[in-house]
């Protein structure tokens, strides 16, 4: 082998190492899009199994309510506490409530709610579907002429799309209660100023931005969790790997989507405040 052939071989190996992660990422994104297309296709097909949809919404939404309430309370309290100490340096205590309210509705509530649900419900969905795949229960459904995507994935994705925005609203409300308690009760911020500035600065656009994000996040985290569980392989170890990938993938996707959704919303729907 000549020196030129050896150099070309090394360049080919380097190119392969650089191309392989990109190709793997594109392949993974494409498989998620195919599954999303199947969800859209089967979502409008009969039969509509109401009990399965309700069970999915209970698991994703109702069962997540206690942890959402706890997290939202302390997120509101911590953010209010930091705001009190920061704004007092500039004599701007009057704007604590409006700052907390806008931050909660636009960012903290949808992002934290989605992350909590991804950690609890997303991990649970990936584990359940992964176990069903390993034990061949999904294959048994196909044998019985029941489409697995229709029966297993569609209710979970639609349930998350419905329940994550509702839990986000709960997060907003309880977070503001925690912020009020810290600012007004513990640090003596005027009650009237606190509430009036929330009413004055917080508008429908802020709330709609948070709910729109939560809807997208809910669909994304449920689709990722279902995908990882549905295509799990490798026995019990494979189920654990699928669950880990579902949680980590959901976290990263939520944060990436948050940036792009914020940019789109601020560019298209938000008007300058007068």
C-alpha atoms as a PDB file:
ATOM      1  CA  UNK A   1       0.000   0.000   0.000  1.00  0.00           C
ATOM      2  CA  UNK A   2       1.365   3.357  -1.027  1.00  0.00           C
ATOM      3  CA  UNK A   3       1.581   6.382   1.199  1.00  0.00           C
ATOM      4  CA  UNK A   4      -1.235   8.056  -0.755  1.00  0.00           C
ATOM      5  CA  UNK A   5      -3.533   5.054  -0.245  1.00  0.00           C
ATOM      6  CA  UNK A   6      -2.763   5.069   3.482  1.00  0.00           C
ATOM      7  CA  UNK A   7      -3.605   8.764   3.696  1.00  0.00           C
ATOM      8  CA  UNK A   8      -6.879   8.255   1.828  1.00  0.00           C
ATOM      9  CA  UNK A   9      -7.800   5.402   4.156  1.00  0.00           C
ATOM     10  CA  UNK A  10      -7.180   7.554   7.231  1.00  0.00           C
ATOM     11  CA  UNK A  11      -9.238  10.395   5.738  1.00  0.00           C
ATOM     12  CA  UNK A  12     -12.056   7.944   5.025  1.00  0.00           C
ATOM     13  CA  UNK A  13     -12.010   6.773   8.635  1.00  0.00           C
ATOM     14  CA  UNK A  14     -12.119  10.350   9.941  1.00  0.00           C
ATOM     15  CA  UNK A  15     -14.990  11.197   7.588  1.00  0.00           C
ATOM     16  CA  UNK A  16     -16.858   8.100   8.765  1.00  0.00           C
ATOM     17  CA  UNK A  17     -16.372   9.046  12.416  1.00  0.00           C
ATOM     18  CA  UNK A  18     -17.682  12.554  11.726  1.00  0.00           C
ATOM     19  CA  UNK A  19     -20.596  11.419   9.592  1.00  0.00           C
ATOM     20  CA  UNK A  20     -21.824   8.564  11.771  1.00  0.00           C
ATOM     21  CA  UNK A  21     -23.212  10.705  14.664  1.00  0.00           C
ATOM     22  CA  UNK A  22     -24.904  13.062  12.192  1.00  0.00           C
ATOM     23  CA  UNK A  23     -26.441  10.189  10.296  1.00  0.00           C
ATOM     24  CA  UNK A  24     -27.558   8.560  13.559  1.00  0.00           C
ATOM     25  CA  UNK A  25     -29.211  11.792  14.690  1.00  0.00           C
ATOM     26  CA  UNK A  26     -31.027  12.220  11.393  1.00  0.00           C
ATOM     27  CA  UNK A  27     -32.155   8.605  11.477  1.00  0.00           C
ATOM     28  CA  UNK A  28     -33.479   8.986  15.039  1.00  0.00           C
ATOM     29  CA  UNK A  29     -35.330  12.201  14.183  1.00  0.00           C
ATOM     30  CA  UNK A  30     -36.832  10.549  11.122  1.00  0.00           C
ATOM     31  CA  UNK A  31     -38.068   7.554  13.115  1.00  0.00           C
ATOM     32  CA  UNK A  32     -39.690   9.903  15.633  1.00  0.00           C
ATOM     33  CA  UNK A  33     -41.408  11.775  12.803  1.00  0.00           C
ATOM     34  CA  UNK A  34     -42.678   8.501  11.339  1.00  0.00           C
ATOM     35  CA  UNK A  35     -44.129   7.530  14.719  1.00  0.00           C
ATOM     36  CA  UNK A  36     -45.689  10.996  15.040  1.00  0.00           C
ATOM     37  CA  UNK A  37     -47.294  10.545  11.622  1.00  0.00           C
ATOM     38  CA  UNK A  38     -48.707   7.188  12.727  1.00  0.00           C
ATOM     39  CA  UNK A  39     -50.113   8.840  15.864  1.00  0.00           C
ATOM     40  CA  UNK A  40     -51.843  11.492  13.752  1.00  0.00           C
ATOM     41  CA  UNK A  41     -53.203   8.822  11.421  1.00  0.00           C
ATOM     42  CA  UNK A  42     -54.597   6.575  14.151  1.00  0.00           C
ATOM     43  CA  UNK A  43     -55.844   9.393  16.384  1.00  0.00           C
ATOM     44  CA  UNK A  44     -58.882   9.903  14.136  1.00  0.00           C
ATOM     45  CA  UNK A  45     -59.542   6.202  13.487  1.00  0.00           C
ATOM     46  CA  UNK A  46     -62.086   4.085  15.326  1.00  0.00           C
ATOM     47  CA  UNK A  47     -62.535   2.535  17.777  1.00  0.00           C
ATOM     48  CA  UNK A  48     -62.157   5.359  20.292  1.00  0.00           C
ATOM     49  CA  UNK A  49     -61.398   3.603  23.568  1.00  0.00           C
ATOM     50  CA  UNK A  50     -62.521   6.191  26.104  1.00  0.00           C
ATOM     51  CA  UNK A  51     -61.427   4.178  29.127  1.00  0.00           C
ATOM     52  CA  UNK A  52     -57.862   3.897  27.804  1.00  0.00           C
ATOM     53  CA  UNK A  53     -57.710   7.658  27.201  1.00  0.00           C
ATOM     54  CA  UNK A  54     -58.990   8.396  30.701  1.00  0.00           C
ATOM     55  CA  UNK A  55     -56.482   6.015  32.265  1.00  0.00           C
ATOM     56  CA  UNK A  56     -53.656   7.717  30.376  1.00  0.00           C
ATOM     57  CA  UNK A  57     -54.828  11.183  31.470  1.00  0.00           C
ATOM     58  CA  UNK A  58     -55.112  10.021  35.074  1.00  0.00           C
ATOM     59  CA  UNK A  59     -51.605   8.559  35.035  1.00  0.00           C
ATOM     60  CA  UNK A  60     -50.045  11.601  33.369  1.00  0.00           C
ATOM     61  CA  UNK A  61     -52.116  14.342  34.984  1.00  0.00           C
ATOM     62  CA  UNK A  62     -53.952  13.435  38.175  1.00  0.00           C
ATOM     63  CA  UNK A  63     -51.190  11.230  39.575  1.00  0.00           C
ATOM     64  CA  UNK A  64     -48.632  13.975  38.882  1.00  0.00           C
ATOM     65  CA  UNK A  65     -50.622  16.644  40.723  1.00  0.00           C
ATOM     66  CA  UNK A  66     -49.006  16.253  44.186  1.00  0.00           C
ATOM     67  CA  UNK A  67     -45.428  16.565  42.920  1.00  0.00           C
ATOM     68  CA  UNK A  68     -46.431  19.456  40.623  1.00  0.00           C
ATOM     69  CA  UNK A  69     -48.001  21.260  43.588  1.00  0.00           C
ATOM     70  CA  UNK A  70     -44.929  20.748  45.768  1.00  0.00           C
ATOM     71  CA  UNK A  71     -42.441  21.821  43.100  1.00  0.00           C
ATOM     72  CA  UNK A  72     -44.484  24.849  42.023  1.00  0.00           C
ATOM     73  CA  UNK A  73     -44.881  26.086  45.603  1.00  0.00           C
ATOM     74  CA  UNK A  74     -41.142  26.114  46.269  1.00  0.00           C
ATOM     75  CA  UNK A  75     -40.234  27.434  42.821  1.00  0.00           C
ATOM     76  CA  UNK A  76     -42.501  30.417  43.453  1.00  0.00           C
ATOM     77  CA  UNK A  77     -41.136  30.890  46.962  1.00  0.00           C
ATOM     78  CA  UNK A  78     -37.476  30.701  45.907  1.00  0.00           C
ATOM     79  CA  UNK A  79     -37.935  33.014  42.934  1.00  0.00           C
ATOM     80  CA  UNK A  80     -39.809  35.505  45.097  1.00  0.00           C
ATOM     81  CA  UNK A  81     -37.127  35.337  47.790  1.00  0.00           C
ATOM     82  CA  UNK A  82     -34.358  36.011  45.263  1.00  0.00           C
ATOM     83  CA  UNK A  83     -36.381  38.852  43.722  1.00  0.00           C
ATOM     84  CA  UNK A  84     -36.984  40.523  47.091  1.00  0.00           C
ATOM     85  CA  UNK A  85     -33.301  40.626  47.939  1.00  0.00           C
ATOM     86  CA  UNK A  86     -32.276  41.729  44.423  1.00  0.00           C
ATOM     87  CA  UNK A  87     -34.941  44.411  43.889  1.00  0.00           C
ATOM     88  CA  UNK A  88     -34.455  45.981  47.321  1.00  0.00           C
ATOM     89  CA  UNK A  89     -30.979  47.017  46.273  1.00  0.00           C
ATOM     90  CA  UNK A  90     -32.586  49.319  43.690  1.00  0.00           C
ATOM     91  CA  UNK A  91     -35.731  50.275  45.620  1.00  0.00           C
ATOM     92  CA  UNK A  92     -37.889  48.407  43.101  1.00  0.00           C
ATOM     93  CA  UNK A  93     -39.846  46.114  45.431  1.00  0.00           C
ATOM     94  CA  UNK A  94     -43.079  47.119  43.692  1.00  0.00           C
ATOM     95  CA  UNK A  95     -42.077  45.125  40.607  1.00  0.00           C
ATOM     96  CA  UNK A  96     -41.426  41.839  42.389  1.00  0.00           C
ATOM     97  CA  UNK A  97     -44.897  40.451  41.772  1.00  0.00           C
ATOM     98  CA  UNK A  98     -44.999  41.343  38.083  1.00  0.00           C
ATOM     99  CA  UNK A  99     -41.540  39.854  37.525  1.00  0.00           C
ATOM    100  CA  UNK A 100     -42.453  36.614  39.259  1.00  0.00           C
ATOM    101  CA  UNK A 101     -45.802  36.404  37.472  1.00  0.00           C
ATOM    102  CA  UNK A 102     -44.352  36.920  33.991  1.00  0.00           C
ATOM    103  CA  UNK A 103     -41.465  34.524  34.638  1.00  0.00           C
ATOM    104  CA  UNK A 104     -43.819  31.849  35.937  1.00  0.00           C
ATOM    105  CA  UNK A 105     -46.358  32.079  33.142  1.00  0.00           C
ATOM    106  CA  UNK A 106     -43.895  32.394  30.265  1.00  0.00           C
ATOM    107  CA  UNK A 107     -41.074  30.079  31.294  1.00  0.00           C
ATOM    108  CA  UNK A 108     -40.951  28.495  34.722  1.00  0.00           C
ATOM    109  CA  UNK A 109     -44.395  26.896  34.772  1.00  0.00           C
ATOM    110  CA  UNK A 110     -44.335  25.203  31.343  1.00  0.00           C
ATOM    111  CA  UNK A 111     -40.692  24.132  31.550  1.00  0.00           C
ATOM    112  CA  UNK A 112     -40.721  22.853  35.144  1.00  0.00           C
ATOM    113  CA  UNK A 113     -44.103  21.153  34.715  1.00  0.00           C
ATOM    114  CA  UNK A 114     -42.911  19.370  31.587  1.00  0.00           C
ATOM    115  CA  UNK A 115     -39.643  18.295  33.199  1.00  0.00           C
ATOM    116  CA  UNK A 116     -41.454  16.926  36.263  1.00  0.00           C
ATOM    117  CA  UNK A 117     -43.942  15.033  34.093  1.00  0.00           C
ATOM    118  CA  UNK A 118     -41.151  13.703  31.876  1.00  0.00           C
ATOM    119  CA  UNK A 119     -39.293  12.452  34.950  1.00  0.00           C
ATOM    120  CA  UNK A 120     -42.365  10.791  36.452  1.00  0.00           C
ATOM    121  CA  UNK A 121     -44.865   9.904  33.734  1.00  0.00           C
ATOM    122  CA  UNK A 122     -42.406   9.794  30.832  1.00  0.00           C
ATOM    123  CA  UNK A 123     -40.157   7.336  32.628  1.00  0.00           C
ATOM    124  CA  UNK A 124     -43.196   5.278  33.574  1.00  0.00           C
ATOM    125  CA  UNK A 125     -44.483   5.145  29.986  1.00  0.00           C
ATOM    126  CA  UNK A 126     -41.084   4.135  28.624  1.00  0.00           C
ATOM    127  CA  UNK A 127     -40.696   1.411  31.253  1.00  0.00           C
ATOM    128  CA  UNK A 128     -44.198   0.045  30.728  1.00  0.00           C
ATOM    129  CA  UNK A 129     -43.966  -0.082  26.941  1.00  0.00           C
ATOM    130  CA  UNK A 130     -40.424  -1.440  27.110  1.00  0.00           C
ATOM    131  CA  UNK A 131     -41.543  -4.253  29.379  1.00  0.00           C
ATOM    132  CA  UNK A 132     -44.415  -5.030  27.037  1.00  0.00           C
ATOM    133  CA  UNK A 133     -42.007  -5.145  24.091  1.00  0.00           C
ATOM    134  CA  UNK A 134     -39.543  -7.427  25.888  1.00  0.00           C
ATOM    135  CA  UNK A 135     -42.301  -9.822  26.998  1.00  0.00           C
ATOM    136  CA  UNK A 136     -43.819  -9.815  23.475  1.00  0.00           C
ATOM    137  CA  UNK A 137     -47.130  -8.346  24.602  1.00  0.00           C
ATOM    138  CA  UNK A 138     -46.956  -5.779  21.794  1.00  0.00           C
ATOM    139  CA  UNK A 139     -46.497  -8.581  19.268  1.00  0.00           C
ATOM    140  CA  UNK A 140     -49.509 -10.325  20.800  1.00  0.00           C
ATOM    141  CA  UNK A 141     -51.646  -7.216  20.213  1.00  0.00           C
ATOM    142  CA  UNK A 142     -50.665  -7.193  16.537  1.00  0.00           C
ATOM    143  CA  UNK A 143     -51.551 -10.911  16.352  1.00  0.00           C
ATOM    144  CA  UNK A 144     -55.027 -10.080  17.702  1.00  0.00           C
ATOM    145  CA  UNK A 145     -55.478  -7.462  14.924  1.00  0.00           C
ATOM    146  CA  UNK A 146     -55.119  -4.551  17.392  1.00  0.00           C
ATOM    147  CA  UNK A 147     -52.778  -1.863  16.126  1.00  0.00           C
ATOM    148  CA  UNK A 148     -50.218  -1.252  18.916  1.00  0.00           C
ATOM    149  CA  UNK A 149     -49.752   2.417  18.024  1.00  0.00           C
ATOM    150  CA  UNK A 150     -53.503   3.003  18.140  1.00  0.00           C
ATOM    151  CA  UNK A 151     -53.980   1.183  21.430  1.00  0.00           C
ATOM    152  CA  UNK A 152     -50.805   2.062  23.344  1.00  0.00           C
ATOM    153  CA  UNK A 153     -49.261   5.260  22.023  1.00  0.00           C
ATOM    154  CA  UNK A 154     -52.124   7.463  20.801  1.00  0.00           C
ATOM    155  CA  UNK A 155     -53.866   7.639  24.224  1.00  0.00           C
ATOM    156  CA  UNK A 156     -50.607   8.507  25.973  1.00  0.00           C
ATOM    157  CA  UNK A 157     -49.618  11.232  23.512  1.00  0.00           C
ATOM    158  CA  UNK A 158     -53.075  12.828  23.449  1.00  0.00           C
ATOM    159  CA  UNK A 159     -53.349  12.477  27.221  1.00  0.00           C
ATOM    160  CA  UNK A 160     -50.085  14.375  27.669  1.00  0.00           C
ATOM    161  CA  UNK A 161     -51.133  17.074  25.199  1.00  0.00           C
ATOM    162  CA  UNK A 162     -54.295  17.645  27.263  1.00  0.00           C
ATOM    163  CA  UNK A 163     -52.915  17.265  30.787  1.00  0.00           C
ATOM    164  CA  UNK A 164     -49.570  19.097  30.626  1.00  0.00           C
ATOM    165  CA  UNK A 165     -51.218  22.509  29.936  1.00  0.00           C
ATOM    166  CA  UNK A 166     -53.692  21.889  32.753  1.00  0.00           C
ATOM    167  CA  UNK A 167     -50.894  21.053  35.162  1.00  0.00           C
ATOM    168  CA  UNK A 168     -49.044  24.128  33.940  1.00  0.00           C
ATOM    169  CA  UNK A 169     -51.993  26.292  34.997  1.00  0.00           C
ATOM    170  CA  UNK A 170     -51.908  24.639  38.420  1.00  0.00           C
ATOM    171  CA  UNK A 171     -48.169  25.371  38.562  1.00  0.00           C
ATOM    172  CA  UNK A 172     -48.797  29.042  37.744  1.00  0.00           C
ATOM    173  CA  UNK A 173     -51.435  29.414  40.453  1.00  0.00           C
ATOM    174  CA  UNK A 174     -49.606  27.618  43.258  1.00  0.00           C
ATOM    175  CA  UNK A 175     -46.317  29.287  42.303  1.00  0.00           C
ATOM    176  CA  UNK A 176     -47.928  32.712  42.694  1.00  0.00           C
ATOM    177  CA  UNK A 177     -49.350  31.665  46.065  1.00  0.00           C
ATOM    178  CA  UNK A 178     -45.836  30.722  47.220  1.00  0.00           C
ATOM    179  CA  UNK A 179     -44.431  33.994  45.863  1.00  0.00           C
ATOM    180  CA  UNK A 180     -47.155  35.990  47.659  1.00  0.00           C
ATOM    181  CA  UNK A 181     -46.456  34.225  50.938  1.00  0.00           C
ATOM    182  CA  UNK A 182     -42.722  34.973  50.838  1.00  0.00           C
ATOM    183  CA  UNK A 183     -42.994  38.547  49.550  1.00  0.00           C
ATOM    184  CA  UNK A 184     -46.007  39.798  51.520  1.00  0.00           C
ATOM    185  CA  UNK A 185     -46.120  37.658  54.654  1.00  0.00           C
ATOM    186  CA  UNK A 186     -42.423  37.128  55.309  1.00  0.00           C
ATOM    187  CA  UNK A 187     -40.821  40.267  53.838  1.00  0.00           C
ATOM    188  CA  UNK A 188     -43.506  42.899  54.262  1.00  0.00           C
ATOM    189  CA  UNK A 189     -44.172  43.824  50.627  1.00  0.00           C
ATOM    190  CA  UNK A 190     -47.433  45.760  50.388  1.00  0.00           C
ATOM    191  CA  UNK A 191     -50.379  43.456  49.661  1.00  0.00           C
ATOM    192  CA  UNK A 192     -52.172  45.923  47.380  1.00  0.00           C
ATOM    193  CA  UNK A 193     -49.098  46.769  45.328  1.00  0.00           C
ATOM    194  CA  UNK A 194     -48.266  43.084  44.908  1.00  0.00           C
ATOM    195  CA  UNK A 195     -51.685  42.186  43.509  1.00  0.00           C
ATOM    196  CA  UNK A 196     -52.163  45.370  41.487  1.00  0.00           C
ATOM    197  CA  UNK A 197     -48.874  44.984  39.627  1.00  0.00           C
ATOM    198  CA  UNK A 198     -49.751  41.399  38.733  1.00  0.00           C
ATOM    199  CA  UNK A 199     -53.061  42.607  37.306  1.00  0.00           C
ATOM    200  CA  UNK A 200     -51.393  45.506  35.498  1.00  0.00           C
ATOM    201  CA  UNK A 201     -48.393  43.775  33.905  1.00  0.00           C
ATOM    202  CA  UNK A 202     -49.593  40.202  33.363  1.00  0.00           C
ATOM    203  CA  UNK A 203     -51.796  39.842  30.296  1.00  0.00           C
ATOM    204  CA  UNK A 204     -53.435  37.109  28.250  1.00  0.00           C
ATOM    205  CA  UNK A 205     -50.480  36.864  25.881  1.00  0.00           C
ATOM    206  CA  UNK A 206     -48.164  35.760  28.689  1.00  0.00           C
ATOM    207  CA  UNK A 207     -50.532  33.006  29.810  1.00  0.00           C
ATOM    208  CA  UNK A 208     -51.192  31.838  26.249  1.00  0.00           C
ATOM    209  CA  UNK A 209     -47.449  31.664  25.598  1.00  0.00           C
ATOM    210  CA  UNK A 210     -46.959  29.361  28.566  1.00  0.00           C
ATOM    211  CA  UNK A 211     -49.908  27.132  27.654  1.00  0.00           C
ATOM    212  CA  UNK A 212     -48.823  26.882  24.025  1.00  0.00           C
ATOM    213  CA  UNK A 213     -45.351  25.800  25.128  1.00  0.00           C
ATOM    214  CA  UNK A 214     -46.821  23.274  27.542  1.00  0.00           C
ATOM    215  CA  UNK A 215     -48.932  21.755  24.776  1.00  0.00           C
ATOM    216  CA  UNK A 216     -45.898  21.271  22.530  1.00  0.00           C
ATOM    217  CA  UNK A 217     -43.770  19.998  25.415  1.00  0.00           C
ATOM    218  CA  UNK A 218     -46.453  17.489  26.382  1.00  0.00           C
ATOM    219  CA  UNK A 219     -46.626  16.073  22.890  1.00  0.00           C
ATOM    220  CA  UNK A 220     -42.838  15.943  22.581  1.00  0.00           C
ATOM    221  CA  UNK A 221     -42.085  14.272  25.909  1.00  0.00           C
ATOM    222  CA  UNK A 222     -44.819  11.657  25.485  1.00  0.00           C
ATOM    223  CA  UNK A 223     -43.737  10.863  21.924  1.00  0.00           C
ATOM    224  CA  UNK A 224     -40.097  10.434  22.989  1.00  0.00           C
ATOM    225  CA  UNK A 225     -41.041   8.253  25.967  1.00  0.00           C
ATOM    226  CA  UNK A 226     -43.348   6.068  23.890  1.00  0.00           C
ATOM    227  CA  UNK A 227     -40.786   5.762  21.103  1.00  0.00           C
ATOM    228  CA  UNK A 228     -38.018   4.623  23.429  1.00  0.00           C
ATOM    229  CA  UNK A 229     -40.242   2.121  25.196  1.00  0.00           C
ATOM    230  CA  UNK A 230     -41.958   0.860  22.047  1.00  0.00           C
ATOM    231  CA  UNK A 231     -38.659   0.042  20.330  1.00  0.00           C
ATOM    232  CA  UNK A 232     -36.775  -1.201  23.397  1.00  0.00           C
ATOM    233  CA  UNK A 233     -34.661  -4.313  23.020  1.00  0.00           C
ATOM    234  CA  UNK A 234     -32.068  -6.300  24.930  1.00  0.00           C
ATOM    235  CA  UNK A 235     -34.006  -7.659  27.886  1.00  0.00           C
ATOM    236  CA  UNK A 236     -34.224  -5.986  31.298  1.00  0.00           C
ATOM    237  CA  UNK A 237     -31.086  -3.963  30.632  1.00  0.00           C
ATOM    238  CA  UNK A 238     -32.638  -2.645  27.424  1.00  0.00           C
ATOM    239  CA  UNK A 239     -35.695  -1.438  29.320  1.00  0.00           C
ATOM    240  CA  UNK A 240     -33.461   0.513  31.693  1.00  0.00           C
ATOM    241  CA  UNK A 241     -31.526   2.028  28.795  1.00  0.00           C
ATOM    242  CA  UNK A 242     -34.780   2.997  27.060  1.00  0.00           C
ATOM    243  CA  UNK A 243     -36.075   4.672  30.215  1.00  0.00           C
ATOM    244  CA  UNK A 244     -32.854   6.635  30.668  1.00  0.00           C
ATOM    245  CA  UNK A 245     -32.892   7.751  27.041  1.00  0.00           C
ATOM    246  CA  UNK A 246     -36.532   8.770  27.329  1.00  0.00           C
ATOM    247  CA  UNK A 247     -35.928  10.989  30.354  1.00  0.00           C
ATOM    248  CA  UNK A 248     -32.697  12.560  29.107  1.00  0.00           C
ATOM    249  CA  UNK A 249     -34.069  13.016  25.594  1.00  0.00           C
ATOM    250  CA  UNK A 250     -37.207  14.656  26.952  1.00  0.00           C
ATOM    251  CA  UNK A 251     -35.225  17.086  29.108  1.00  0.00           C
ATOM    252  CA  UNK A 252     -32.977  18.150  26.245  1.00  0.00           C
ATOM    253  CA  UNK A 253     -35.857  18.419  23.776  1.00  0.00           C
ATOM    254  CA  UNK A 254     -37.913  20.558  26.151  1.00  0.00           C
ATOM    255  CA  UNK A 255     -35.082  23.049  26.618  1.00  0.00           C
ATOM    256  CA  UNK A 256     -34.254  23.208  22.902  1.00  0.00           C
ATOM    257  CA  UNK A 257     -37.899  23.631  21.933  1.00  0.00           C
ATOM    258  CA  UNK A 258     -38.300  26.282  24.612  1.00  0.00           C
ATOM    259  CA  UNK A 259     -35.775  28.542  22.920  1.00  0.00           C
ATOM    260  CA  UNK A 260     -37.279  28.236  19.441  1.00  0.00           C
ATOM    261  CA  UNK A 261     -40.875  28.550  20.650  1.00  0.00           C
ATOM    262  CA  UNK A 262     -39.962  31.643  22.657  1.00  0.00           C
ATOM    263  CA  UNK A 263     -38.265  33.211  19.663  1.00  0.00           C
ATOM    264  CA  UNK A 264     -41.250  32.485  17.408  1.00  0.00           C
ATOM    265  CA  UNK A 265     -43.778  33.731  19.947  1.00  0.00           C
ATOM    266  CA  UNK A 266     -41.934  36.962  20.703  1.00  0.00           C
ATOM    267  CA  UNK A 267     -41.453  37.630  16.990  1.00  0.00           C
ATOM    268  CA  UNK A 268     -45.009  36.872  15.867  1.00  0.00           C
ATOM    269  CA  UNK A 269     -47.456  37.319  18.734  1.00  0.00           C
ATOM    270  CA  UNK A 270     -45.924  39.743  21.226  1.00  0.00           C
ATOM    271  CA  UNK A 271     -46.436  43.481  20.836  1.00  0.00           C
ATOM    272  CA  UNK A 272     -44.235  46.030  22.659  1.00  0.00           C
ATOM    273  CA  UNK A 273     -45.689  47.071  26.006  1.00  0.00           C
ATOM    274  CA  UNK A 274     -46.645  50.750  26.220  1.00  0.00           C
END
